[in-house]
């Protein structure tokens, strides 16, 4: 399925949760914490200001982002967990020269 977020929404693919602790103990699915980072899969065109001009998003497809534990809305696309959220809910970006 193909999705295109609207306005300033960002579609993020969850990173895999840790399977084992550093000591080698396997963590069951029910005890795993949701990862708070992921890879941007798609971005909207940006929001409009009061004059009607489009303000482009700072994140782009392929960026790795960190976000809050309860940010966005979890959705499944083709059986894979994603989060759709506003750009405002993203704390930081990594993966590009000059960026954190």
PDB file of N, CA and C in Angstrom:
ATOM      1  N   UNK A   1       0.836  -1.178   0.000  1.00  0.00           N
ATOM      2  CA  UNK A   1       0.000   0.000   0.000  1.00  0.00           C
ATOM      3  C   UNK A   1       0.886   1.249   0.000  1.00  0.00           C
ATOM      4  N   UNK A   2       0.434   2.321  -0.601  1.00  0.00           N
ATOM      5  CA  UNK A   2       1.211   3.553  -0.691  1.00  0.00           C
ATOM      6  C   UNK A   2       0.494   4.655   0.077  1.00  0.00           C
ATOM      7  N   UNK A   3       1.225   5.356   0.949  1.00  0.00           N
ATOM      8  CA  UNK A   3       0.663   6.432   1.752  1.00  0.00           C
ATOM      9  C   UNK A   3       1.421   7.716   1.491  1.00  0.00           C
ATOM     10  N   UNK A   4       0.713   8.821   1.448  1.00  0.00           N
ATOM     11  CA  UNK A   4       1.308  10.151   1.315  1.00  0.00           C
ATOM     12  C   UNK A   4       0.720  11.004   2.420  1.00  0.00           C
ATOM     13  N   UNK A   5       1.529  11.328   3.461  1.00  0.00           N
ATOM     14  CA  UNK A   5       1.025  12.176   4.549  1.00  0.00           C
ATOM     15  C   UNK A   5       0.632  13.560   4.033  1.00  0.00           C
ATOM     16  N   UNK A   6      -0.299  14.172   4.706  1.00  0.00           N
ATOM     17  CA  UNK A   6      -0.753  15.515   4.348  1.00  0.00           C
ATOM     18  C   UNK A   6      -0.117  16.543   5.274  1.00  0.00           C
ATOM     19  N   UNK A   7      -0.077  17.781   4.818  1.00  0.00           N
ATOM     20  CA  UNK A   7       0.409  18.923   5.590  1.00  0.00           C
ATOM     21  C   UNK A   7       1.742  18.640   6.270  1.00  0.00           C
ATOM     22  N   UNK A   8       1.824  18.809   7.604  1.00  0.00           N
ATOM     23  CA  UNK A   8       3.102  18.627   8.292  1.00  0.00           C
ATOM     24  C   UNK A   8       3.182  17.285   9.026  1.00  0.00           C
ATOM     25  N   UNK A   9       2.541  16.261   8.463  1.00  0.00           N
ATOM     26  CA  UNK A   9       2.607  14.923   9.046  1.00  0.00           C
ATOM     27  C   UNK A   9       3.784  14.148   8.464  1.00  0.00           C
ATOM     28  N   UNK A  10       4.332  13.248   9.297  1.00  0.00           N
ATOM     29  CA  UNK A  10       5.491  12.443   8.934  1.00  0.00           C
ATOM     30  C   UNK A  10       5.168  10.989   9.243  1.00  0.00           C
ATOM     31  N   UNK A  11       5.464  10.079   8.319  1.00  0.00           N
ATOM     32  CA  UNK A  11       5.266   8.645   8.523  1.00  0.00           C
ATOM     33  C   UNK A  11       6.619   8.035   8.874  1.00  0.00           C
ATOM     34  N   UNK A  12       6.696   7.377  10.046  1.00  0.00           N
ATOM     35  CA  UNK A  12       7.953   6.846  10.567  1.00  0.00           C
ATOM     36  C   UNK A  12       7.831   5.338  10.761  1.00  0.00           C
ATOM     37  N   UNK A  13       8.841   4.609  10.308  1.00  0.00           N
ATOM     38  CA  UNK A  13       8.929   3.164  10.513  1.00  0.00           C
ATOM     39  C   UNK A  13       9.652   2.929  11.822  1.00  0.00           C
ATOM     40  N   UNK A  14       9.008   2.211  12.757  1.00  0.00           N
ATOM     41  CA  UNK A  14       9.620   1.906  14.064  1.00  0.00           C
ATOM     42  C   UNK A  14      10.887   1.089  13.868  1.00  0.00           C
ATOM     43  N   UNK A  15      11.916   1.404  14.665  1.00  0.00           N
ATOM     44  CA  UNK A  15      13.117   0.568  14.711  1.00  0.00           C
ATOM     45  C   UNK A  15      12.761  -0.686  15.491  1.00  0.00           C
ATOM     46  N   UNK A  16      13.500  -1.751  15.280  1.00  0.00           N
ATOM     47  CA  UNK A  16      13.258  -3.000  16.008  1.00  0.00           C
ATOM     48  C   UNK A  16      13.561  -2.813  17.489  1.00  0.00           C
ATOM     49  N   UNK A  17      12.712  -3.370  18.341  1.00  0.00           N
ATOM     50  CA  UNK A  17      12.953  -3.352  19.786  1.00  0.00           C
ATOM     51  C   UNK A  17      14.033  -4.372  20.119  1.00  0.00           C
ATOM     52  N   UNK A  18      14.753  -4.125  21.187  1.00  0.00           N
ATOM     53  CA  UNK A  18      15.821  -5.035  21.613  1.00  0.00           C
ATOM     54  C   UNK A  18      15.245  -6.416  21.922  1.00  0.00           C
ATOM     55  N   UNK A  19      15.902  -7.450  21.424  1.00  0.00           N
ATOM     56  CA  UNK A  19      15.480  -8.830  21.658  1.00  0.00           C
ATOM     57  C   UNK A  19      16.099  -9.404  22.938  1.00  0.00           C
ATOM     58  N   UNK A  20      17.323  -8.940  23.275  1.00  0.00           N
ATOM     59  CA  UNK A  20      18.044  -9.455  24.436  1.00  0.00           C
ATOM     60  C   UNK A  20      18.612  -8.294  25.245  1.00  0.00           C
ATOM     61  N   UNK A  21      18.840  -8.558  26.531  1.00  0.00           N
ATOM     62  CA  UNK A  21      19.529  -7.578  27.367  1.00  0.00           C
ATOM     63  C   UNK A  21      21.030  -7.723  27.129  1.00  0.00           C
ATOM     64  N   UNK A  22      21.809  -6.805  27.673  1.00  0.00           N
ATOM     65  CA  UNK A  22      23.265  -6.893  27.520  1.00  0.00           C
ATOM     66  C   UNK A  22      23.819  -8.156  28.181  1.00  0.00           C
ATOM     67  N   UNK A  23      23.087  -8.706  29.144  1.00  0.00           N
ATOM     68  CA  UNK A  23      23.495  -9.944  29.821  1.00  0.00           C
ATOM     69  C   UNK A  23      23.056 -11.201  29.094  1.00  0.00           C
ATOM     70  N   UNK A  24      22.314 -11.053  27.989  1.00  0.00           N
ATOM     71  CA  UNK A  24      21.910 -12.206  27.193  1.00  0.00           C
ATOM     72  C   UNK A  24      20.525 -12.737  27.496  1.00  0.00           C
ATOM     73  N   UNK A  25      19.772 -12.075  28.380  1.00  0.00           N
ATOM     74  CA  UNK A  25      18.411 -12.523  28.709  1.00  0.00           C
ATOM     75  C   UNK A  25      17.473 -12.112  27.585  1.00  0.00           C
ATOM     76  N   UNK A  26      16.683 -13.050  27.100  1.00  0.00           N
ATOM     77  CA  UNK A  26      15.733 -12.771  26.017  1.00  0.00           C
ATOM     78  C   UNK A  26      14.516 -12.063  26.593  1.00  0.00           C
ATOM     79  N   UNK A  27      14.135 -10.970  25.958  1.00  0.00           N
ATOM     80  CA  UNK A  27      12.993 -10.168  26.425  1.00  0.00           C
ATOM     81  C   UNK A  27      11.742 -10.610  25.670  1.00  0.00           C
ATOM     82  N   UNK A  28      10.678 -11.030  26.395  1.00  0.00           N
ATOM     83  CA  UNK A  28       9.442 -11.421  25.703  1.00  0.00           C
ATOM     84  C   UNK A  28       8.752 -10.199  25.096  1.00  0.00           C
ATOM     85  N   UNK A  29       7.939 -10.409  24.067  1.00  0.00           N
ATOM     86  CA  UNK A  29       7.247  -9.317  23.369  1.00  0.00           C
ATOM     87  C   UNK A  29       6.429  -8.447  24.310  1.00  0.00           C
ATOM     88  N   UNK A  30       5.826  -9.052  25.321  1.00  0.00           N
ATOM     89  CA  UNK A  30       4.966  -8.295  26.230  1.00  0.00           C
ATOM     90  C   UNK A  30       5.746  -7.341  27.124  1.00  0.00           C
ATOM     91  N   UNK A  31       7.055  -7.578  27.305  1.00  0.00           N
ATOM     92  CA  UNK A  31       7.866  -6.741  28.187  1.00  0.00           C
ATOM     93  C   UNK A  31       8.726  -5.729  27.443  1.00  0.00           C
ATOM     94  N   UNK A  32       8.734  -5.801  26.114  1.00  0.00           N
ATOM     95  CA  UNK A  32       9.573  -4.896  25.328  1.00  0.00           C
ATOM     96  C   UNK A  32       9.009  -3.485  25.357  1.00  0.00           C
ATOM     97  N   UNK A  33       9.921  -2.523  25.493  1.00  0.00           N
ATOM     98  CA  UNK A  33       9.506  -1.118  25.399  1.00  0.00           C
ATOM     99  C   UNK A  33       9.482  -0.729  23.935  1.00  0.00           C
ATOM    100  N   UNK A  34       8.532   0.110  23.579  1.00  0.00           N
ATOM    101  CA  UNK A  34       8.465   0.592  22.207  1.00  0.00           C
ATOM    102  C   UNK A  34       9.667   1.483  21.941  1.00  0.00           C
ATOM    103  N   UNK A  35      10.328   1.283  20.814  1.00  0.00           N
ATOM    104  CA  UNK A  35      11.460   2.154  20.504  1.00  0.00           C
ATOM    105  C   UNK A  35      10.981   3.573  20.262  1.00  0.00           C
ATOM    106  N   UNK A  36      11.821   4.529  20.621  1.00  0.00           N
ATOM    107  CA  UNK A  36      11.457   5.925  20.453  1.00  0.00           C
ATOM    108  C   UNK A  36      12.249   6.542  19.317  1.00  0.00           C
ATOM    109  N   UNK A  37      12.621   5.702  18.366  1.00  0.00           N
ATOM    110  CA  UNK A  37      13.288   6.214  17.185  1.00  0.00           C
ATOM    111  C   UNK A  37      12.853   5.392  15.985  1.00  0.00           C
ATOM    112  N   UNK A  38      13.056   5.963  14.827  1.00  0.00           N
ATOM    113  CA  UNK A  38      12.669   5.278  13.614  1.00  0.00           C
ATOM    114  C   UNK A  38      13.165   6.010  12.389  1.00  0.00           C
ATOM    115  N   UNK A  39      12.856   5.436  11.235  1.00  0.00           N
ATOM    116  CA  UNK A  39      13.285   5.998   9.962  1.00  0.00           C
ATOM    117  C   UNK A  39      12.084   6.624   9.267  1.00  0.00           C
ATOM    118  N   UNK A  40      12.275   7.837   8.751  1.00  0.00           N
ATOM    119  CA  UNK A  40      11.203   8.542   8.045  1.00  0.00           C
ATOM    120  C   UNK A  40      10.961   7.853   6.709  1.00  0.00           C
ATOM    121  N   UNK A  41       9.711   7.436   6.480  1.00  0.00           N
ATOM    122  CA  UNK A  41       9.322   6.742   5.265  1.00  0.00           C
ATOM    123  C   UNK A  41       8.692   7.710   4.261  1.00  0.00           C
ATOM    124  N   UNK A  42       7.918   8.668   4.762  1.00  0.00           N
ATOM    125  CA  UNK A  42       7.251   9.646   3.886  1.00  0.00           C
ATOM    126  C   UNK A  42       6.962  10.911   4.683  1.00  0.00           C
ATOM    127  N   UNK A  43       6.950  12.046   3.985  1.00  0.00           N
ATOM    128  CA  UNK A  43       6.631  13.330   4.611  1.00  0.00           C
ATOM    129  C   UNK A  43       5.592  14.058   3.780  1.00  0.00           C
ATOM    130  N   UNK A  44       4.808  14.876   4.460  1.00  0.00           N
ATOM    131  CA  UNK A  44       3.835  15.709   3.774  1.00  0.00           C
ATOM    132  C   UNK A  44       4.512  16.924   3.159  1.00  0.00           C
ATOM    133  N   UNK A  45       3.773  17.724   2.417  1.00  0.00           N
ATOM    134  CA  UNK A  45       4.342  18.896   1.742  1.00  0.00           C
ATOM    135  C   UNK A  45       4.649  20.056   2.684  1.00  0.00           C
ATOM    136  N   UNK A  46       4.175  20.017   3.914  1.00  0.00           N
ATOM    137  CA  UNK A  46       4.400  21.095   4.867  1.00  0.00           C
ATOM    138  C   UNK A  46       3.104  21.836   5.152  1.00  0.00           C
ATOM    139  N   UNK A  47       3.127  22.609   6.231  1.00  0.00           N
ATOM    140  CA  UNK A  47       1.919  23.352   6.598  1.00  0.00           C
ATOM    141  C   UNK A  47       1.913  24.701   5.894  1.00  0.00           C
ATOM    142  N   UNK A  48       0.778  25.361   5.936  1.00  0.00           N
ATOM    143  CA  UNK A  48       0.658  26.689   5.333  1.00  0.00           C
ATOM    144  C   UNK A  48       0.668  27.743   6.425  1.00  0.00           C
ATOM    145  N   UNK A  49       1.313  28.889   6.147  1.00  0.00           N
ATOM    146  CA  UNK A  49       1.289  29.990   7.100  1.00  0.00           C
ATOM    147  C   UNK A  49       0.019  30.814   6.873  1.00  0.00           C
ATOM    148  N   UNK A  50      -0.136  31.887   7.593  1.00  0.00           N
ATOM    149  CA  UNK A  50      -1.363  32.693   7.501  1.00  0.00           C
ATOM    150  C   UNK A  50      -1.579  33.291   6.108  1.00  0.00           C
ATOM    151  N   UNK A  51      -0.501  33.504   5.373  1.00  0.00           N
ATOM    152  CA  UNK A  51      -0.599  34.073   4.022  1.00  0.00           C
ATOM    153  C   UNK A  51      -0.903  33.015   2.978  1.00  0.00           C
ATOM    154  N   UNK A  52      -0.879  31.753   3.374  1.00  0.00           N
ATOM    155  CA  UNK A  52      -1.149  30.673   2.433  1.00  0.00           C
ATOM    156  C   UNK A  52       0.106  30.097   1.800  1.00  0.00           C
ATOM    157  N   UNK A  53       1.282  30.574   2.226  1.00  0.00           N
ATOM    158  CA  UNK A  53       2.550  30.045   1.706  1.00  0.00           C
ATOM    159  C   UNK A  53       2.891  28.741   2.410  1.00  0.00           C
ATOM    160  N   UNK A  54       3.396  27.785   1.653  1.00  0.00           N
ATOM    161  CA  UNK A  54       3.742  26.474   2.196  1.00  0.00           C
ATOM    162  C   UNK A  54       5.101  26.553   2.898  1.00  0.00           C
ATOM    163  N   UNK A  55       5.177  26.031   4.136  1.00  0.00           N
ATOM    164  CA  UNK A  55       6.428  25.973   4.894  1.00  0.00           C
ATOM    165  C   UNK A  55       6.907  24.526   4.847  1.00  0.00           C
ATOM    166  N   UNK A  56       8.029  24.301   4.180  1.00  0.00           N
ATOM    167  CA  UNK A  56       8.558  22.948   4.005  1.00  0.00           C
ATOM    168  C   UNK A  56       9.005  22.358   5.344  1.00  0.00           C
ATOM    169  N   UNK A  57       8.959  21.019   5.436  1.00  0.00           N
ATOM    170  CA  UNK A  57       9.391  20.323   6.641  1.00  0.00           C
ATOM    171  C   UNK A  57      10.914  20.248   6.696  1.00  0.00           C
ATOM    172  N   UNK A  58      11.456  20.166   7.917  1.00  0.00           N
ATOM    173  CA  UNK A  58      12.896  20.042   8.094  1.00  0.00           C
ATOM    174  C   UNK A  58      13.357  18.598   7.931  1.00  0.00           C
ATOM    175  N   UNK A  59      12.482  17.625   8.213  1.00  0.00           N
ATOM    176  CA  UNK A  59      12.854  16.222   8.048  1.00  0.00           C
ATOM    177  C   UNK A  59      12.545  15.788   6.621  1.00  0.00           C
ATOM    178  N   UNK A  60      13.267  14.752   6.186  1.00  0.00           N
ATOM    179  CA  UNK A  60      13.023  14.231   4.842  1.00  0.00           C
ATOM    180  C   UNK A  60      13.070  12.710   4.869  1.00  0.00           C
ATOM    181  N   UNK A  61      12.604  12.097   3.815  1.00  0.00           N
ATOM    182  CA  UNK A  61      12.598  10.644   3.712  1.00  0.00           C
ATOM    183  C   UNK A  61      14.017  10.118   3.899  1.00  0.00           C
ATOM    184  N   UNK A  62      14.158   9.075   4.733  1.00  0.00           N
ATOM    185  CA  UNK A  62      15.457   8.463   4.989  1.00  0.00           C
ATOM    186  C   UNK A  62      16.126   8.924   6.269  1.00  0.00           C
ATOM    187  N   UNK A  63      15.673  10.052   6.853  1.00  0.00           N
ATOM    188  CA  UNK A  63      16.239  10.537   8.112  1.00  0.00           C
ATOM    189  C   UNK A  63      15.890   9.579   9.247  1.00  0.00           C
ATOM    190  N   UNK A  64      16.792   9.439  10.209  1.00  0.00           N
ATOM    191  CA  UNK A  64      16.506   8.719  11.443  1.00  0.00           C
ATOM    192  C   UNK A  64      16.120   9.761  12.477  1.00  0.00           C
ATOM    193  N   UNK A  65      14.977   9.569  13.119  1.00  0.00           N
ATOM    194  CA  UNK A  65      14.451  10.569  14.048  1.00  0.00           C
ATOM    195  C   UNK A  65      14.174   9.944  15.410  1.00  0.00           C
ATOM    196  N   UNK A  66      14.183  10.800  16.438  1.00  0.00           N
ATOM    197  CA  UNK A  66      13.797  10.389  17.786  1.00  0.00           C
ATOM    198  C   UNK A  66      12.560  11.178  18.176  1.00  0.00           C
ATOM    199  N   UNK A  67      11.649  10.521  18.886  1.00  0.00           N
ATOM    200  CA  UNK A  67      10.382  11.146  19.260  1.00  0.00           C
ATOM    201  C   UNK A  67       9.958  10.651  20.629  1.00  0.00           C
ATOM    202  N   UNK A  68       8.934  11.273  21.194  1.00  0.00           N
ATOM    203  CA  UNK A  68       8.445  10.923  22.521  1.00  0.00           C
ATOM    204  C   UNK A  68       7.761   9.572  22.560  1.00  0.00           C
ATOM    205  N   UNK A  69       7.698   9.007  23.745  1.00  0.00           N
ATOM    206  CA  UNK A  69       7.108   7.687  23.952  1.00  0.00           C
ATOM    207  C   UNK A  69       5.655   7.610  23.480  1.00  0.00           C
ATOM    208  N   UNK A  70       4.904   8.685  23.668  1.00  0.00           N
ATOM    209  CA  UNK A  70       3.486   8.674  23.314  1.00  0.00           C
ATOM    210  C   UNK A  70       3.191   9.540  22.093  1.00  0.00           C
ATOM    211  N   UNK A  71       4.197   9.822  21.289  1.00  0.00           N
ATOM    212  CA  UNK A  71       4.027  10.678  20.113  1.00  0.00           C
ATOM    213  C   UNK A  71       3.264   9.953  19.009  1.00  0.00           C
ATOM    214  N   UNK A  72       2.482  10.705  18.277  1.00  0.00           N
ATOM    215  CA  UNK A  72       1.825  10.192  17.082  1.00  0.00           C
ATOM    216  C   UNK A  72       0.777   9.119  17.325  1.00  0.00           C
ATOM    217  N   UNK A  73       0.392   8.498  16.230  1.00  0.00           N
ATOM    218  CA  UNK A  73      -0.597   7.424  16.234  1.00  0.00           C
ATOM    219  C   UNK A  73       0.011   6.204  15.567  1.00  0.00           C
ATOM    220  N   UNK A  74      -0.046   5.077  16.248  1.00  0.00           N
ATOM    221  CA  UNK A  74       0.509   3.844  15.692  1.00  0.00           C
ATOM    222  C   UNK A  74      -0.452   3.266  14.666  1.00  0.00           C
ATOM    223  N   UNK A  75       0.099   2.878  13.515  1.00  0.00           N
ATOM    224  CA  UNK A  75      -0.689   2.242  12.458  1.00  0.00           C
ATOM    225  C   UNK A  75       0.105   1.071  11.887  1.00  0.00           C
ATOM    226  N   UNK A  76      -0.600   0.129  11.279  1.00  0.00           N
ATOM    227  CA  UNK A  76       0.060  -0.985  10.597  1.00  0.00           C
ATOM    228  C   UNK A  76      -0.156  -0.804   9.106  1.00  0.00           C
ATOM    229  N   UNK A  77       0.931  -0.895   8.356  1.00  0.00           N
ATOM    230  CA  UNK A  77       0.869  -0.834   6.904  1.00  0.00           C
ATOM    231  C   UNK A  77       1.489  -2.120   6.384  1.00  0.00           C
ATOM    232  N   UNK A  78       0.706  -2.927   5.700  1.00  0.00           N
ATOM    233  CA  UNK A  78       1.149  -4.234   5.208  1.00  0.00           C
ATOM    234  C   UNK A  78       1.741  -5.079   6.331  1.00  0.00           C
ATOM    235  N   UNK A  79       1.153  -4.998   7.546  1.00  0.00           N
ATOM    236  CA  UNK A  79       1.576  -5.800   8.679  1.00  0.00           C
ATOM    237  C   UNK A  79       2.803  -5.285   9.416  1.00  0.00           C
ATOM    238  N   UNK A  80       3.297  -4.103   9.038  1.00  0.00           N
ATOM    239  CA  UNK A  80       4.491  -3.527   9.664  1.00  0.00           C
ATOM    240  C   UNK A  80       4.081  -2.309  10.484  1.00  0.00           C
ATOM    241  N   UNK A  81       4.627  -2.193  11.721  1.00  0.00           N
ATOM    242  CA  UNK A  81       4.291  -1.076  12.608  1.00  0.00           C
ATOM    243  C   UNK A  81       4.935   0.225  12.141  1.00  0.00           C
ATOM    244  N   UNK A  82       4.110   1.261  12.036  1.00  0.00           N
ATOM    245  CA  UNK A  82       4.553   2.611  11.702  1.00  0.00           C
ATOM    246  C   UNK A  82       3.920   3.572  12.700  1.00  0.00           C
ATOM    247  N   UNK A  83       4.433   4.793  12.739  1.00  0.00           N
ATOM    248  CA  UNK A  83       3.843   5.861  13.532  1.00  0.00           C
ATOM    249  C   UNK A  83       3.661   7.045  12.604  1.00  0.00           C
ATOM    250  N   UNK A  84       2.471   7.659  12.640  1.00  0.00           N
ATOM    251  CA  UNK A  84       2.254   8.890  11.891  1.00  0.00           C
ATOM    252  C   UNK A  84       2.123  10.007  12.918  1.00  0.00           C
ATOM    253  N   UNK A  85       2.903  11.073  12.723  1.00  0.00           N
ATOM    254  CA  UNK A  85       2.948  12.150  13.711  1.00  0.00           C
ATOM    255  C   UNK A  85       3.209  13.474  13.024  1.00  0.00           C
ATOM    256  N   UNK A  86       2.928  14.549  13.744  1.00  0.00           N
ATOM    257  CA  UNK A  86       3.266  15.879  13.255  1.00  0.00           C
ATOM    258  C   UNK A  86       4.763  16.095  13.441  1.00  0.00           C
ATOM    259  N   UNK A  87       5.344  16.916  12.587  1.00  0.00           N
ATOM    260  CA  UNK A  87       6.770  17.188  12.686  1.00  0.00           C
ATOM    261  C   UNK A  87       7.135  17.766  14.055  1.00  0.00           C
ATOM    262  N   UNK A  88       6.226  18.504  14.668  1.00  0.00           N
ATOM    263  CA  UNK A  88       6.463  19.106  15.984  1.00  0.00           C
ATOM    264  C   UNK A  88       6.764  18.069  17.069  1.00  0.00           C
ATOM    265  N   UNK A  89       6.345  16.822  16.876  1.00  0.00           N
ATOM    266  CA  UNK A  89       6.543  15.775  17.879  1.00  0.00           C
ATOM    267  C   UNK A  89       7.917  15.110  17.776  1.00  0.00           C
ATOM    268  N   UNK A  90       8.699  15.485  16.768  1.00  0.00           N
ATOM    269  CA  UNK A  90      10.037  14.918  16.573  1.00  0.00           C
ATOM    270  C   UNK A  90      11.043  15.771  17.340  1.00  0.00           C
ATOM    271  N   UNK A  91      11.901  15.102  18.142  1.00  0.00           N
ATOM    272  CA  UNK A  91      12.884  15.804  18.963  1.00  0.00           C
ATOM    273  C   UNK A  91      14.163  16.117  18.208  1.00  0.00           C
ATOM    274  N   UNK A  92      14.699  15.128  17.467  1.00  0.00           N
ATOM    275  CA  UNK A  92      15.958  15.355  16.768  1.00  0.00           C
ATOM    276  C   UNK A  92      16.071  14.437  15.557  1.00  0.00           C
ATOM    277  N   UNK A  93      17.011  14.774  14.690  1.00  0.00           N
ATOM    278  CA  UNK A  93      17.250  14.056  13.443  1.00  0.00           C
ATOM    279  C   UNK A  93      18.723  13.686  13.396  1.00  0.00           C
ATOM    280  N   UNK A  94      19.017  12.503  12.868  1.00  0.00           N
ATOM    281  CA  UNK A  94      20.422  12.114  12.662  1.00  0.00           C
ATOM    282  C   UNK A  94      20.544  11.451  11.299  1.00  0.00           C
ATOM    283  N   UNK A  95      21.766  11.289  10.850  1.00  0.00           N
ATOM    284  CA  UNK A  95      21.984  10.539   9.611  1.00  0.00           C
ATOM    285  C   UNK A  95      22.449  11.379   8.442  1.00  0.00           C
ATOM    286  N   UNK A  96      22.590  12.671   8.586  1.00  0.00           N
ATOM    287  CA  UNK A  96      23.031  13.522   7.489  1.00  0.00           C
ATOM    288  C   UNK A  96      24.192  14.364   7.966  1.00  0.00           C
ATOM    289  N   UNK A  97      25.140  14.635   7.091  1.00  0.00           N
ATOM    290  CA  UNK A  97      26.280  15.487   7.459  1.00  0.00           C
ATOM    291  C   UNK A  97      25.787  16.811   7.983  1.00  0.00           C
ATOM    292  N   UNK A  98      26.379  17.251   9.076  1.00  0.00           N
ATOM    293  CA  UNK A  98      26.003  18.540   9.645  1.00  0.00           C
ATOM    294  C   UNK A  98      24.810  18.489  10.565  1.00  0.00           C
ATOM    295  N   UNK A  99      24.150  17.347  10.633  1.00  0.00           N
ATOM    296  CA  UNK A  99      23.005  17.199  11.539  1.00  0.00           C
ATOM    297  C   UNK A  99      23.407  16.312  12.696  1.00  0.00           C
ATOM    298  N   UNK A 100      22.719  16.417  13.786  1.00  0.00           N
ATOM    299  CA  UNK A 100      23.019  15.642  14.994  1.00  0.00           C
ATOM    300  C   UNK A 100      22.837  14.172  14.746  1.00  0.00           C
TER     301      UNK A 100
END
